[in-house]
Amino acid sequence: MVDQYINEEWDYVITVCDDANETCPAFFGKVKHRLHIGFEDPSHATGTDEFILSEFRRVRDLSKEQFYKFYRETISV
């Protein structure tokens, strides 16, 4: 799937999983900036359905906050 983008040029490639820097395959396309903004994987949550749903929502909200912060501080300036 990533291979279809290998010949395109990218300003940013951002990995997001907690252990993505260690386990995700490298992207060798033309990239100006490689960043890692890690988040816990909510699919590993255990417990009640309500708790698991709350973990997905927590990570969703955290990722939204972090990417908006990245946009404000890096891209929109």
C-alpha atoms as a PDB file:
ATOM      1  CA  MET A   1       0.000   0.000   0.000  1.00  0.00           C
ATOM      2  CA  VAL A   2       2.774   2.461   0.893  1.00  0.00           C
ATOM      3  CA  ASP A   3       4.537   1.618  -2.358  1.00  0.00           C
ATOM      4  CA  GLN A   4       1.998   3.625  -4.356  1.00  0.00           C
ATOM      5  CA  TYR A   5       3.339   6.805  -2.684  1.00  0.00           C
ATOM      6  CA  ILE A   6       7.060   6.065  -2.884  1.00  0.00           C
ATOM      7  CA  ASN A   7       7.675   8.317  -5.899  1.00  0.00           C
ATOM      8  CA  GLU A   8       5.791  11.310  -4.479  1.00  0.00           C
ATOM      9  CA  GLU A   9       7.430  14.049  -2.439  1.00  0.00           C
ATOM     10  CA  TRP A  10       6.143  14.675   1.092  1.00  0.00           C
ATOM     11  CA  ASP A  11       6.727  17.498   3.537  1.00  0.00           C
ATOM     12  CA  TYR A  12       6.004  15.244   6.524  1.00  0.00           C
ATOM     13  CA  VAL A  13       5.690  11.577   7.331  1.00  0.00           C
ATOM     14  CA  ILE A  14       4.378  11.122  10.856  1.00  0.00           C
ATOM     15  CA  THR A  15       4.135   7.834  12.717  1.00  0.00           C
ATOM     16  CA  VAL A  16       1.592   7.679  15.515  1.00  0.00           C
ATOM     17  CA  CYS A  17       1.671   4.318  17.319  1.00  0.00           C
ATOM     18  CA  ASP A  18       3.559   4.049  20.592  1.00  0.00           C
ATOM     19  CA  ASP A  19       6.060   1.596  19.174  1.00  0.00           C
ATOM     20  CA  ALA A  20       5.911   2.727  15.539  1.00  0.00           C
ATOM     21  CA  ASN A  21       9.499   3.901  15.526  1.00  0.00           C
ATOM     22  CA  GLU A  22      10.585   0.365  16.387  1.00  0.00           C
ATOM     23  CA  THR A  23       8.095  -1.824  14.506  1.00  0.00           C
ATOM     24  CA  CYS A  24       6.677   0.027  11.514  1.00  0.00           C
ATOM     25  CA  PRO A  25       8.354  -0.418   8.145  1.00  0.00           C
ATOM     26  CA  ALA A  26      10.455   2.519   7.023  1.00  0.00           C
ATOM     27  CA  PHE A  27       9.142   4.799   4.306  1.00  0.00           C
ATOM     28  CA  PHE A  28      11.946   5.512   1.849  1.00  0.00           C
ATOM     29  CA  GLY A  29      10.138   8.084  -0.274  1.00  0.00           C
ATOM     30  CA  LYS A  30      11.129  11.707  -0.656  1.00  0.00           C
ATOM     31  CA  VAL A  31      10.369  13.174   2.765  1.00  0.00           C
ATOM     32  CA  LYS A  32      11.491  16.532   4.124  1.00  0.00           C
ATOM     33  CA  HIS A  33      10.601  15.808   7.771  1.00  0.00           C
ATOM     34  CA  ARG A  34      10.075  12.502   9.574  1.00  0.00           C
ATOM     35  CA  LEU A  35       8.307  12.831  12.913  1.00  0.00           C
ATOM     36  CA  HIS A  36       6.903  10.564  15.564  1.00  0.00           C
ATOM     37  CA  ILE A  37       3.910  11.622  17.638  1.00  0.00           C
ATOM     38  CA  GLY A  38       3.138   8.490  19.627  1.00  0.00           C
ATOM     39  CA  PHE A  39      -0.144   7.393  21.106  1.00  0.00           C
ATOM     40  CA  GLU A  40      -1.121   4.282  23.021  1.00  0.00           C
ATOM     41  CA  ASP A  41      -3.000   1.753  20.910  1.00  0.00           C
ATOM     42  CA  PRO A  42      -6.523   1.655  22.341  1.00  0.00           C
ATOM     43  CA  SER A  43      -7.137  -1.749  20.767  1.00  0.00           C
ATOM     44  CA  HIS A  44      -4.998  -3.202  23.570  1.00  0.00           C
ATOM     45  CA  ALA A  45      -7.392  -1.943  26.258  1.00  0.00           C
ATOM     46  CA  THR A  46      -9.112  -4.558  28.361  1.00  0.00           C
ATOM     47  CA  GLY A  47     -12.064  -4.285  30.676  1.00  0.00           C
ATOM     48  CA  THR A  48     -15.680  -3.378  30.295  1.00  0.00           C
ATOM     49  CA  ASP A  49     -17.107  -2.199  26.997  1.00  0.00           C
ATOM     50  CA  GLU A  50     -17.527   1.240  28.534  1.00  0.00           C
ATOM     51  CA  PHE A  51     -13.858   1.400  29.562  1.00  0.00           C
ATOM     52  CA  ILE A  52     -12.633   0.217  26.163  1.00  0.00           C
ATOM     53  CA  LEU A  53     -14.814   2.811  24.428  1.00  0.00           C
ATOM     54  CA  SER A  54     -13.483   5.489  26.771  1.00  0.00           C
ATOM     55  CA  GLU A  55      -9.901   4.524  25.833  1.00  0.00           C
ATOM     56  CA  PHE A  56     -10.665   4.877  22.118  1.00  0.00           C
ATOM     57  CA  ARG A  57     -12.208   8.274  22.781  1.00  0.00           C
ATOM     58  CA  ARG A  58      -9.301   9.359  24.988  1.00  0.00           C
ATOM     59  CA  VAL A  59      -6.732   8.488  22.315  1.00  0.00           C
ATOM     60  CA  ARG A  60      -8.894  10.102  19.634  1.00  0.00           C
ATOM     61  CA  ASP A  61      -9.095  13.333  21.621  1.00  0.00           C
ATOM     62  CA  LEU A  62      -5.388  13.283  22.474  1.00  0.00           C
ATOM     63  CA  SER A  63      -4.397  12.744  18.844  1.00  0.00           C
ATOM     64  CA  LYS A  64      -6.665  15.575  17.744  1.00  0.00           C
ATOM     65  CA  GLU A  65      -5.099  17.868  20.349  1.00  0.00           C
ATOM     66  CA  GLN A  66      -1.520  16.912  19.461  1.00  0.00           C
ATOM     67  CA  PHE A  67      -1.988  17.261  15.704  1.00  0.00           C
ATOM     68  CA  TYR A  68      -3.712  20.600  16.106  1.00  0.00           C
ATOM     69  CA  LYS A  69      -0.816  21.746  18.292  1.00  0.00           C
ATOM     70  CA  PHE A  70       1.645  20.527  15.641  1.00  0.00           C
ATOM     71  CA  TYR A  71      -0.301  22.412  12.971  1.00  0.00           C
ATOM     72  CA  ARG A  72      -0.432  25.640  15.014  1.00  0.00           C
ATOM     73  CA  GLU A  73       3.222  25.576  16.011  1.00  0.00           C
ATOM     74  CA  THR A  74       4.815  24.192  12.869  1.00  0.00           C
ATOM     75  CA  ILE A  75       2.736  24.398   9.724  1.00  0.00           C
ATOM     76  CA  SER A  76       0.585  27.503  10.107  1.00  0.00           C
ATOM     77  CA  VAL A  77       3.426  29.876  11.059  1.00  0.00           C
END
